[in-house]
Amino acid sequence: MLFYSKGQEYTKFMIFNIFIDESGMANPLMYKTSPYFTICGIVMNQEHRDKLKREFTKLKIKHFKKDIIIHTKEMRGILNTDKKLEEFSKNLKTILNDTPFFLLYSVVNNEKANRFSWNNKASYKKGYRELIGNLIKFLIAKKSIGHIYAEASSVFQDIILYENLFHYLSNGINTLSINPEDVKKHLTSVTFVTKTNNDAEEQIADLFSCIPRIKLEIDSGKRTPESLDSLEVILLSSMEKHLFKLGTLTNISANKKRLYKEISSFSVIP
């Protein structure tokens, strides 16, 4: 918890950490080989981080004999039989079910983006603009503070994330009467990390980042549920459960209800 001082009044804020990872290519010209560019955000209360790290470390030691840093491709090379992958997936499911968090996605449909003559900068800009906007709505509705953690990439990509953050810090969201001071109060930092930091949340974001493509390909009939392996089945099911949802809007303020209704947890653009 954090306390924000305003004059002699103190307001208690809950702290949420948002871990961001990407999947696919942010290049609309490559839509045939990479149909979607996905930005995944895992939003988790600060109080649940230590437990997740302990349980995730136990999982890795059990299946990999040491606390490795999980990369999806390399992990599948180690879990190279159906039995190993299934056992890992079942144990991972238990952790995901026992950990309170929710997911926000911004997905660029590269084929449509190509038709709109987007380039890679436009894909990054519009993708991050959408994700951060939804995060701000959540934080203000919850009267909470958020810290963004993003995996460090190229200077080009990292600057675009900063630019989108500063867009909201400078402009707010006029259509929802959110002013810059509101944004500055609730979204307070962005930190770039590498995989070697061994954040459990960043590695889980890596696992979840490729799942929207699977969902969209199943929805469009390009892929069948029967074609999924055990890990994909678990992650797809978990994604559906952890997407931010309105739920039953009872006994909450009118402003919170208003902002919640504006949050898109699985946003596909353009």
C-alpha atoms as a PDB file:
ATOM      1  CA  MET A   1       0.000   0.000   0.000  1.00  0.00           C
ATOM      2  CA  LEU A   2       1.085   3.563  -0.608  1.00  0.00           C
ATOM      3  CA  PHE A   3      -0.264   6.745   0.948  1.00  0.00           C
ATOM      4  CA  TYR A   4      -0.713   9.863  -1.146  1.00  0.00           C
ATOM      5  CA  SER A   5      -0.693  13.167   0.730  1.00  0.00           C
ATOM      6  CA  LYS A   6      -2.879  16.079  -0.262  1.00  0.00           C
ATOM      7  CA  GLY A   7      -2.797  18.807   2.360  1.00  0.00           C
ATOM      8  CA  GLN A   8      -3.681  17.124   5.646  1.00  0.00           C
ATOM      9  CA  GLU A   9      -5.567  14.278   3.970  1.00  0.00           C
ATOM     10  CA  TYR A  10      -4.023  10.921   3.208  1.00  0.00           C
ATOM     11  CA  THR A  11      -5.505   8.468   0.730  1.00  0.00           C
ATOM     12  CA  LYS A  12      -4.449   4.817   0.695  1.00  0.00           C
ATOM     13  CA  PHE A  13      -3.555   3.496  -2.754  1.00  0.00           C
ATOM     14  CA  MET A  14      -3.219  -0.128  -3.822  1.00  0.00           C
ATOM     15  CA  ILE A  15      -0.161  -0.746  -6.001  1.00  0.00           C
ATOM     16  CA  PHE A  16      -0.369  -2.750  -9.229  1.00  0.00           C
ATOM     17  CA  ASN A  17       2.620  -3.870 -11.290  1.00  0.00           C
ATOM     18  CA  ILE A  18       2.146  -4.281 -15.015  1.00  0.00           C
ATOM     19  CA  PHE A  19       4.539  -6.592 -16.863  1.00  0.00           C
ATOM     20  CA  ILE A  20       4.615  -6.231 -20.638  1.00  0.00           C
ATOM     21  CA  ASP A  21       5.866  -8.604 -23.307  1.00  0.00           C
ATOM     22  CA  GLU A  22       5.456  -8.776 -27.083  1.00  0.00           C
ATOM     23  CA  SER A  23       4.904 -11.499 -29.649  1.00  0.00           C
ATOM     24  CA  GLY A  24       4.989 -11.473 -33.432  1.00  0.00           C
ATOM     25  CA  MET A  25       6.390  -8.851 -35.770  1.00  0.00           C
ATOM     26  CA  ALA A  26       5.278  -5.224 -35.723  1.00  0.00           C
ATOM     27  CA  ASN A  27       5.684  -5.072 -39.483  1.00  0.00           C
ATOM     28  CA  PRO A  28       2.449  -5.100 -41.492  1.00  0.00           C
ATOM     29  CA  LEU A  29       4.352  -6.064 -44.645  1.00  0.00           C
ATOM     30  CA  MET A  30       5.147  -9.419 -42.995  1.00  0.00           C
ATOM     31  CA  TYR A  31       1.509 -10.348 -42.375  1.00  0.00           C
ATOM     32  CA  LYS A  32       1.780 -13.657 -44.245  1.00  0.00           C
ATOM     33  CA  THR A  33       4.427 -15.021 -41.874  1.00  0.00           C
ATOM     34  CA  SER A  34       3.411 -12.983 -38.803  1.00  0.00           C
ATOM     35  CA  PRO A  35      -0.325 -12.243 -39.001  1.00  0.00           C
ATOM     36  CA  TYR A  36      -0.506 -10.555 -35.585  1.00  0.00           C
ATOM     37  CA  PHE A  37       1.671  -8.327 -33.433  1.00  0.00           C
ATOM     38  CA  THR A  38       0.662  -8.703 -29.788  1.00  0.00           C
ATOM     39  CA  ILE A  39       1.425  -6.660 -26.688  1.00  0.00           C
ATOM     40  CA  CYS A  40       0.523  -8.532 -23.499  1.00  0.00           C
ATOM     41  CA  GLY A  41       0.210  -6.908 -20.086  1.00  0.00           C
ATOM     42  CA  ILE A  42      -0.049  -8.884 -16.847  1.00  0.00           C
ATOM     43  CA  VAL A  43      -1.524  -6.708 -14.098  1.00  0.00           C
ATOM     44  CA  MET A  44      -0.873  -7.911 -10.569  1.00  0.00           C
ATOM     45  CA  ASN A  45      -1.281  -6.510  -7.091  1.00  0.00           C
ATOM     46  CA  GLN A  46       2.090  -5.889  -5.443  1.00  0.00           C
ATOM     47  CA  GLU A  47       1.094  -8.112  -2.500  1.00  0.00           C
ATOM     48  CA  HIS A  48       0.936 -11.276  -4.662  1.00  0.00           C
ATOM     49  CA  ARG A  49       4.376 -11.010  -6.277  1.00  0.00           C
ATOM     50  CA  ASP A  50       6.435 -12.819  -3.624  1.00  0.00           C
ATOM     51  CA  LYS A  51       4.143 -15.842  -3.548  1.00  0.00           C
ATOM     52  CA  LEU A  52       4.158 -16.108  -7.340  1.00  0.00           C
ATOM     53  CA  LYS A  53       7.959 -15.960  -7.450  1.00  0.00           C
ATOM     54  CA  ARG A  54       8.266 -18.746  -4.851  1.00  0.00           C
ATOM     55  CA  GLU A  55       5.803 -21.049  -6.598  1.00  0.00           C
ATOM     56  CA  PHE A  56       7.183 -20.353 -10.075  1.00  0.00           C
ATOM     57  CA  THR A  57      10.739 -21.016  -8.893  1.00  0.00           C
ATOM     58  CA  LYS A  58       9.612 -24.377  -7.417  1.00  0.00           C
ATOM     59  CA  LEU A  59       7.964 -25.228 -10.738  1.00  0.00           C
ATOM     60  CA  LYS A  60      11.131 -24.524 -12.710  1.00  0.00           C
ATOM     61  CA  ILE A  61      13.374 -26.474 -10.337  1.00  0.00           C
ATOM     62  CA  LYS A  62      10.984 -29.438 -10.471  1.00  0.00           C
ATOM     63  CA  HIS A  63      10.904 -29.583 -14.264  1.00  0.00           C
ATOM     64  CA  PHE A  64      14.273 -28.114 -15.286  1.00  0.00           C
ATOM     65  CA  LYS A  65      16.367 -29.022 -12.210  1.00  0.00           C
ATOM     66  CA  LYS A  66      17.317 -25.364 -11.708  1.00  0.00           C
ATOM     67  CA  ASP A  67      15.810 -21.881 -11.672  1.00  0.00           C
ATOM     68  CA  ILE A  68      16.214 -21.205 -15.377  1.00  0.00           C
ATOM     69  CA  ILE A  69      14.907 -18.115 -17.163  1.00  0.00           C
ATOM     70  CA  ILE A  70      12.018 -19.321 -19.284  1.00  0.00           C
ATOM     71  CA  HIS A  71      11.932 -18.497 -22.963  1.00  0.00           C
ATOM     72  CA  THR A  72       9.012 -20.216 -24.678  1.00  0.00           C
ATOM     73  CA  LYS A  73      11.002 -21.646 -27.603  1.00  0.00           C
ATOM     74  CA  GLU A  74      13.913 -22.904 -25.496  1.00  0.00           C
ATOM     75  CA  MET A  75      11.535 -24.316 -22.869  1.00  0.00           C
ATOM     76  CA  ARG A  76       9.800 -26.468 -25.482  1.00  0.00           C
ATOM     77  CA  GLY A  77      13.188 -27.830 -26.476  1.00  0.00           C
ATOM     78  CA  ILE A  78      13.676 -29.106 -22.917  1.00  0.00           C
ATOM     79  CA  LEU A  79      10.111 -30.370 -22.484  1.00  0.00           C
ATOM     80  CA  ASN A  80      10.548 -32.426 -25.624  1.00  0.00           C
ATOM     81  CA  THR A  81       7.971 -35.164 -25.012  1.00  0.00           C
ATOM     82  CA  ASP A  82       4.199 -34.954 -24.691  1.00  0.00           C
ATOM     83  CA  LYS A  83       4.392 -36.382 -21.177  1.00  0.00           C
ATOM     84  CA  LYS A  84       6.915 -33.776 -19.950  1.00  0.00           C
ATOM     85  CA  LEU A  85       4.951 -30.919 -21.504  1.00  0.00           C
ATOM     86  CA  GLU A  86       1.655 -32.175 -20.078  1.00  0.00           C
ATOM     87  CA  GLU A  87       3.042 -32.516 -16.553  1.00  0.00           C
ATOM     88  CA  PHE A  88       4.574 -29.041 -16.672  1.00  0.00           C
ATOM     89  CA  SER A  89       1.313 -27.600 -18.024  1.00  0.00           C
ATOM     90  CA  LYS A  90      -0.749 -29.160 -15.218  1.00  0.00           C
ATOM     91  CA  ASN A  91       1.565 -27.724 -12.562  1.00  0.00           C
ATOM     92  CA  LEU A  92       1.580 -24.331 -14.266  1.00  0.00           C
ATOM     93  CA  LYS A  93      -2.236 -24.362 -14.364  1.00  0.00           C
ATOM     94  CA  THR A  94      -2.323 -24.749 -10.577  1.00  0.00           C
ATOM     95  CA  ILE A  95      -0.089 -21.686 -10.117  1.00  0.00           C
ATOM     96  CA  LEU A  96      -2.087 -19.587 -12.576  1.00  0.00           C
ATOM     97  CA  ASN A  97      -5.388 -20.557 -10.944  1.00  0.00           C
ATOM     98  CA  ASP A  98      -4.064 -19.720  -7.472  1.00  0.00           C
ATOM     99  CA  THR A  99      -2.593 -16.332  -8.423  1.00  0.00           C
ATOM    100  CA  PRO A 100      -4.843 -13.257  -8.683  1.00  0.00           C
ATOM    101  CA  PHE A 101      -3.976 -11.240 -11.793  1.00  0.00           C
ATOM    102  CA  PHE A 102      -5.614 -10.116 -14.973  1.00  0.00           C
ATOM    103  CA  LEU A 103      -4.547  -9.651 -18.578  1.00  0.00           C
ATOM    104  CA  LEU A 104      -4.724  -6.763 -21.005  1.00  0.00           C
ATOM    105  CA  TYR A 105      -3.966  -7.283 -24.684  1.00  0.00           C
ATOM    106  CA  SER A 106      -3.433  -5.017 -27.642  1.00  0.00           C
ATOM    107  CA  VAL A 107      -3.297  -6.989 -30.891  1.00  0.00           C
ATOM    108  CA  VAL A 108      -2.423  -5.516 -34.292  1.00  0.00           C
ATOM    109  CA  ASN A 109      -3.910  -7.398 -37.244  1.00  0.00           C
ATOM    110  CA  ASN A 110      -0.988  -7.038 -39.636  1.00  0.00           C
ATOM    111  CA  GLU A 111      -2.970  -7.766 -42.792  1.00  0.00           C
ATOM    112  CA  LYS A 112      -5.484  -5.017 -42.028  1.00  0.00           C
ATOM    113  CA  ALA A 113      -2.706  -2.693 -40.877  1.00  0.00           C
ATOM    114  CA  ASN A 114      -0.984  -3.239 -44.221  1.00  0.00           C
ATOM    115  CA  ARG A 115      -4.172  -2.260 -46.046  1.00  0.00           C
ATOM    116  CA  PHE A 116      -4.174   0.976 -44.022  1.00  0.00           C
ATOM    117  CA  SER A 117      -0.517   1.561 -45.022  1.00  0.00           C
ATOM    118  CA  TRP A 118       0.777   1.303 -41.451  1.00  0.00           C
ATOM    119  CA  ASN A 119       4.499   0.857 -40.958  1.00  0.00           C
ATOM    120  CA  ASN A 120       6.202  -0.720 -37.943  1.00  0.00           C
ATOM    121  CA  LYS A 121       6.296   2.596 -36.063  1.00  0.00           C
ATOM    122  CA  ALA A 122       2.527   3.011 -36.491  1.00  0.00           C
ATOM    123  CA  SER A 123       1.952  -0.543 -35.209  1.00  0.00           C
ATOM    124  CA  TYR A 124       4.036   0.051 -32.093  1.00  0.00           C
ATOM    125  CA  LYS A 125       2.527   3.480 -31.477  1.00  0.00           C
ATOM    126  CA  LYS A 126      -1.110   2.453 -31.866  1.00  0.00           C
ATOM    127  CA  GLY A 127      -0.600  -0.841 -30.024  1.00  0.00           C
ATOM    128  CA  TYR A 128       0.977   0.777 -26.960  1.00  0.00           C
ATOM    129  CA  ARG A 129      -1.448   3.702 -27.079  1.00  0.00           C
ATOM    130  CA  GLU A 130      -4.341   1.244 -26.769  1.00  0.00           C
ATOM    131  CA  LEU A 131      -2.792  -0.848 -23.991  1.00  0.00           C
ATOM    132  CA  ILE A 132      -1.661   2.072 -21.826  1.00  0.00           C
ATOM    133  CA  GLY A 133      -5.003   3.828 -22.254  1.00  0.00           C
ATOM    134  CA  ASN A 134      -6.863   0.783 -20.934  1.00  0.00           C
ATOM    135  CA  LEU A 135      -4.415   0.485 -18.047  1.00  0.00           C
ATOM    136  CA  ILE A 136      -4.953   4.126 -17.058  1.00  0.00           C
ATOM    137  CA  LYS A 137      -8.738   3.660 -17.012  1.00  0.00           C
ATOM    138  CA  PHE A 138      -8.328   0.679 -14.680  1.00  0.00           C
ATOM    139  CA  LEU A 139      -5.930   2.429 -12.288  1.00  0.00           C
ATOM    140  CA  ILE A 140      -8.093   5.532 -11.970  1.00  0.00           C
ATOM    141  CA  ALA A 141     -11.273   3.488 -11.547  1.00  0.00           C
ATOM    142  CA  LYS A 142      -9.572   1.452  -8.784  1.00  0.00           C
ATOM    143  CA  LYS A 143      -7.938   4.541  -7.238  1.00  0.00           C
ATOM    144  CA  SER A 144      -4.658   2.668  -7.511  1.00  0.00           C
ATOM    145  CA  ILE A 145      -1.060   3.305  -8.499  1.00  0.00           C
ATOM    146  CA  GLY A 146       0.606   1.445 -11.363  1.00  0.00           C
ATOM    147  CA  HIS A 147       4.226   0.695 -12.227  1.00  0.00           C
ATOM    148  CA  ILE A 148       5.021  -0.567 -15.749  1.00  0.00           C
ATOM    149  CA  TYR A 149       7.782  -3.122 -16.299  1.00  0.00           C
ATOM    150  CA  ALA A 150       8.679  -3.802 -19.922  1.00  0.00           C
ATOM    151  CA  GLU A 151      11.287  -6.111 -21.373  1.00  0.00           C
ATOM    152  CA  ALA A 152      14.060  -3.969 -22.799  1.00  0.00           C
ATOM    153  CA  SER A 153      14.247  -4.250 -26.554  1.00  0.00           C
ATOM    154  CA  SER A 154      15.634  -1.911 -29.198  1.00  0.00           C
ATOM    155  CA  VAL A 155      16.042   1.805 -28.537  1.00  0.00           C
ATOM    156  CA  PHE A 156      13.422   2.387 -31.243  1.00  0.00           C
ATOM    157  CA  GLN A 157      10.777   0.287 -29.460  1.00  0.00           C
ATOM    158  CA  ASP A 158      11.569   1.536 -25.964  1.00  0.00           C
ATOM    159  CA  ILE A 159      11.307   5.165 -27.042  1.00  0.00           C
ATOM    160  CA  ILE A 160       7.860   4.513 -28.540  1.00  0.00           C
ATOM    161  CA  LEU A 161       6.655   3.117 -25.222  1.00  0.00           C
ATOM    162  CA  TYR A 162       7.959   6.251 -23.490  1.00  0.00           C
ATOM    163  CA  GLU A 163       6.322   8.483 -26.085  1.00  0.00           C
ATOM    164  CA  ASN A 164       2.943   6.866 -25.509  1.00  0.00           C
ATOM    165  CA  LEU A 165       3.283   7.176 -21.749  1.00  0.00           C
ATOM    166  CA  PHE A 166       4.129  10.868 -22.108  1.00  0.00           C
ATOM    167  CA  HIS A 167       1.187  11.322 -24.480  1.00  0.00           C
ATOM    168  CA  TYR A 168      -1.156  10.463 -21.610  1.00  0.00           C
ATOM    169  CA  LEU A 169       0.929  12.337 -19.017  1.00  0.00           C
ATOM    170  CA  SER A 170       0.598  15.440 -21.186  1.00  0.00           C
ATOM    171  CA  ASN A 171      -2.930  15.052 -22.521  1.00  0.00           C
ATOM    172  CA  GLY A 172      -4.905  12.709 -20.273  1.00  0.00           C
ATOM    173  CA  ILE A 173      -7.990  11.199 -21.908  1.00  0.00           C
ATOM    174  CA  ASN A 174     -10.287  14.080 -22.780  1.00  0.00           C
ATOM    175  CA  THR A 175     -13.236  11.941 -23.836  1.00  0.00           C
ATOM    176  CA  LEU A 176     -13.407  10.460 -20.331  1.00  0.00           C
ATOM    177  CA  SER A 177     -12.598  13.692 -18.470  1.00  0.00           C
ATOM    178  CA  ILE A 178      -9.255  12.261 -17.332  1.00  0.00           C
ATOM    179  CA  ASN A 179      -6.755  15.099 -17.061  1.00  0.00           C
ATOM    180  CA  PRO A 180      -2.931  14.874 -17.059  1.00  0.00           C
ATOM    181  CA  GLU A 181      -2.766  15.269 -13.276  1.00  0.00           C
ATOM    182  CA  ASP A 182      -4.995  12.201 -12.880  1.00  0.00           C
ATOM    183  CA  VAL A 183      -2.610  10.180 -15.048  1.00  0.00           C
ATOM    184  CA  LYS A 184       0.497  11.418 -13.203  1.00  0.00           C
ATOM    185  CA  LYS A 185      -1.051  10.472  -9.873  1.00  0.00           C
ATOM    186  CA  HIS A 186      -1.938   6.910 -10.880  1.00  0.00           C
ATOM    187  CA  LEU A 187       0.643   5.780 -13.461  1.00  0.00           C
ATOM    188  CA  THR A 188       3.915   6.700 -11.838  1.00  0.00           C
ATOM    189  CA  SER A 189       6.796   4.848 -13.492  1.00  0.00           C
ATOM    190  CA  VAL A 190       8.081   2.682 -16.320  1.00  0.00           C
ATOM    191  CA  THR A 191      11.076   0.395 -15.857  1.00  0.00           C
ATOM    192  CA  PHE A 192      12.886  -1.582 -18.523  1.00  0.00           C
ATOM    193  CA  VAL A 193      14.098  -5.029 -17.471  1.00  0.00           C
ATOM    194  CA  THR A 194      15.841  -7.920 -19.155  1.00  0.00           C
ATOM    195  CA  LYS A 195      15.082 -11.614 -18.918  1.00  0.00           C
ATOM    196  CA  THR A 196      18.156 -11.970 -16.689  1.00  0.00           C
ATOM    197  CA  ASN A 197      16.247 -10.057 -14.015  1.00  0.00           C
ATOM    198  CA  ASN A 198      14.349 -13.360 -13.651  1.00  0.00           C
ATOM    199  CA  ASP A 199      10.964 -11.764 -12.913  1.00  0.00           C
ATOM    200  CA  ALA A 200       8.347 -14.501 -12.754  1.00  0.00           C
ATOM    201  CA  GLU A 201       5.697 -12.139 -14.109  1.00  0.00           C
ATOM    202  CA  GLU A 202       7.783 -11.215 -17.160  1.00  0.00           C
ATOM    203  CA  GLN A 203       8.349 -14.882 -17.988  1.00  0.00           C
ATOM    204  CA  ILE A 204       4.640 -15.659 -17.602  1.00  0.00           C
ATOM    205  CA  ALA A 205       3.855 -12.678 -19.843  1.00  0.00           C
ATOM    206  CA  ASP A 206       6.151 -14.292 -22.397  1.00  0.00           C
ATOM    207  CA  LEU A 207       4.079 -17.496 -22.201  1.00  0.00           C
ATOM    208  CA  PHE A 208       0.791 -15.618 -22.589  1.00  0.00           C
ATOM    209  CA  SER A 209       1.920 -13.246 -25.342  1.00  0.00           C
ATOM    210  CA  CYS A 210       1.490 -15.747 -28.192  1.00  0.00           C
ATOM    211  CA  ILE A 211      -1.973 -16.987 -27.115  1.00  0.00           C
ATOM    212  CA  PRO A 212      -4.070 -14.273 -28.861  1.00  0.00           C
ATOM    213  CA  ARG A 213      -2.839 -15.545 -32.227  1.00  0.00           C
ATOM    214  CA  ILE A 214      -4.079 -19.019 -31.310  1.00  0.00           C
ATOM    215  CA  LYS A 215      -7.452 -17.678 -30.188  1.00  0.00           C
ATOM    216  CA  LEU A 216      -7.917 -15.583 -33.331  1.00  0.00           C
ATOM    217  CA  GLU A 217      -6.905 -18.460 -35.611  1.00  0.00           C
ATOM    218  CA  ILE A 218      -9.387 -20.776 -33.888  1.00  0.00           C
ATOM    219  CA  ASP A 219     -12.122 -18.133 -34.057  1.00  0.00           C
ATOM    220  CA  SER A 220     -11.496 -17.677 -37.793  1.00  0.00           C
ATOM    221  CA  GLY A 221     -11.427 -21.418 -38.504  1.00  0.00           C
ATOM    222  CA  LYS A 222      -7.751 -21.448 -39.505  1.00  0.00           C
ATOM    223  CA  ARG A 223      -6.961 -23.752 -36.601  1.00  0.00           C
ATOM    224  CA  THR A 224      -8.911 -26.284 -34.550  1.00  0.00           C
ATOM    225  CA  PRO A 225      -8.898 -26.730 -30.758  1.00  0.00           C
ATOM    226  CA  GLU A 226      -7.813 -30.333 -31.328  1.00  0.00           C
ATOM    227  CA  SER A 227      -4.534 -29.108 -32.858  1.00  0.00           C
ATOM    228  CA  LEU A 228      -3.385 -27.512 -29.590  1.00  0.00           C
ATOM    229  CA  ASP A 229      -0.803 -29.126 -27.361  1.00  0.00           C
ATOM    230  CA  SER A 230      -1.287 -29.380 -23.599  1.00  0.00           C
ATOM    231  CA  LEU A 231       0.503 -26.104 -22.807  1.00  0.00           C
ATOM    232  CA  GLU A 232      -1.497 -24.166 -25.397  1.00  0.00           C
ATOM    233  CA  VAL A 233      -4.759 -25.598 -24.016  1.00  0.00           C
ATOM    234  CA  ILE A 234      -3.880 -24.515 -20.471  1.00  0.00           C
ATOM    235  CA  LEU A 235      -2.738 -21.037 -21.492  1.00  0.00           C
ATOM    236  CA  LEU A 236      -5.748 -20.416 -23.753  1.00  0.00           C
ATOM    237  CA  SER A 237      -8.150 -21.456 -20.994  1.00  0.00           C
ATOM    238  CA  SER A 238      -6.260 -19.389 -18.414  1.00  0.00           C
ATOM    239  CA  MET A 239      -6.222 -16.365 -20.716  1.00  0.00           C
ATOM    240  CA  GLU A 240     -10.008 -16.481 -21.049  1.00  0.00           C
ATOM    241  CA  LYS A 241     -10.346 -16.621 -17.256  1.00  0.00           C
ATOM    242  CA  HIS A 242      -7.890 -13.809 -16.552  1.00  0.00           C
ATOM    243  CA  LEU A 243      -8.938 -11.228 -19.121  1.00  0.00           C
ATOM    244  CA  PHE A 244     -10.269  -8.141 -17.363  1.00  0.00           C
ATOM    245  CA  LYS A 245     -14.061  -8.437 -17.242  1.00  0.00           C
ATOM    246  CA  LEU A 246     -16.753  -6.124 -15.966  1.00  0.00           C
ATOM    247  CA  GLY A 247     -18.437  -8.760 -13.828  1.00  0.00           C
ATOM    248  CA  THR A 248     -21.542  -7.763 -11.940  1.00  0.00           C
ATOM    249  CA  LEU A 249     -21.468  -4.003 -11.573  1.00  0.00           C
ATOM    250  CA  THR A 250     -23.163  -3.618  -8.211  1.00  0.00           C
ATOM    251  CA  ASN A 251     -22.301  -1.461  -5.216  1.00  0.00           C
ATOM    252  CA  ILE A 252     -19.630   0.499  -7.042  1.00  0.00           C
ATOM    253  CA  SER A 253     -19.405   4.187  -7.795  1.00  0.00           C
ATOM    254  CA  ALA A 254     -20.825   5.619 -10.990  1.00  0.00           C
ATOM    255  CA  ASN A 255     -17.338   6.781 -12.048  1.00  0.00           C
ATOM    256  CA  LYS A 256     -15.811   3.337 -11.574  1.00  0.00           C
ATOM    257  CA  LYS A 257     -18.639   1.732 -13.545  1.00  0.00           C
ATOM    258  CA  ARG A 258     -18.201   4.323 -16.295  1.00  0.00           C
ATOM    259  CA  LEU A 259     -14.463   3.680 -16.627  1.00  0.00           C
ATOM    260  CA  TYR A 260     -14.737  -0.108 -16.361  1.00  0.00           C
ATOM    261  CA  LYS A 261     -17.145  -0.108 -19.306  1.00  0.00           C
ATOM    262  CA  GLU A 262     -14.508   1.677 -21.403  1.00  0.00           C
ATOM    263  CA  ILE A 263     -11.793  -0.943 -20.804  1.00  0.00           C
ATOM    264  CA  SER A 264     -11.109  -3.370 -23.640  1.00  0.00           C
ATOM    265  CA  SER A 265      -9.013  -6.234 -22.337  1.00  0.00           C
ATOM    266  CA  PHE A 266      -8.631  -7.914 -25.753  1.00  0.00           C
ATOM    267  CA  SER A 267      -8.342  -5.091 -28.239  1.00  0.00           C
ATOM    268  CA  VAL A 268      -7.702  -5.953 -31.899  1.00  0.00           C
ATOM    269  CA  ILE A 269      -6.716  -3.042 -34.144  1.00  0.00           C
ATOM    270  CA  PRO A 270      -7.152  -1.533 -36.688  1.00  0.00           C
END
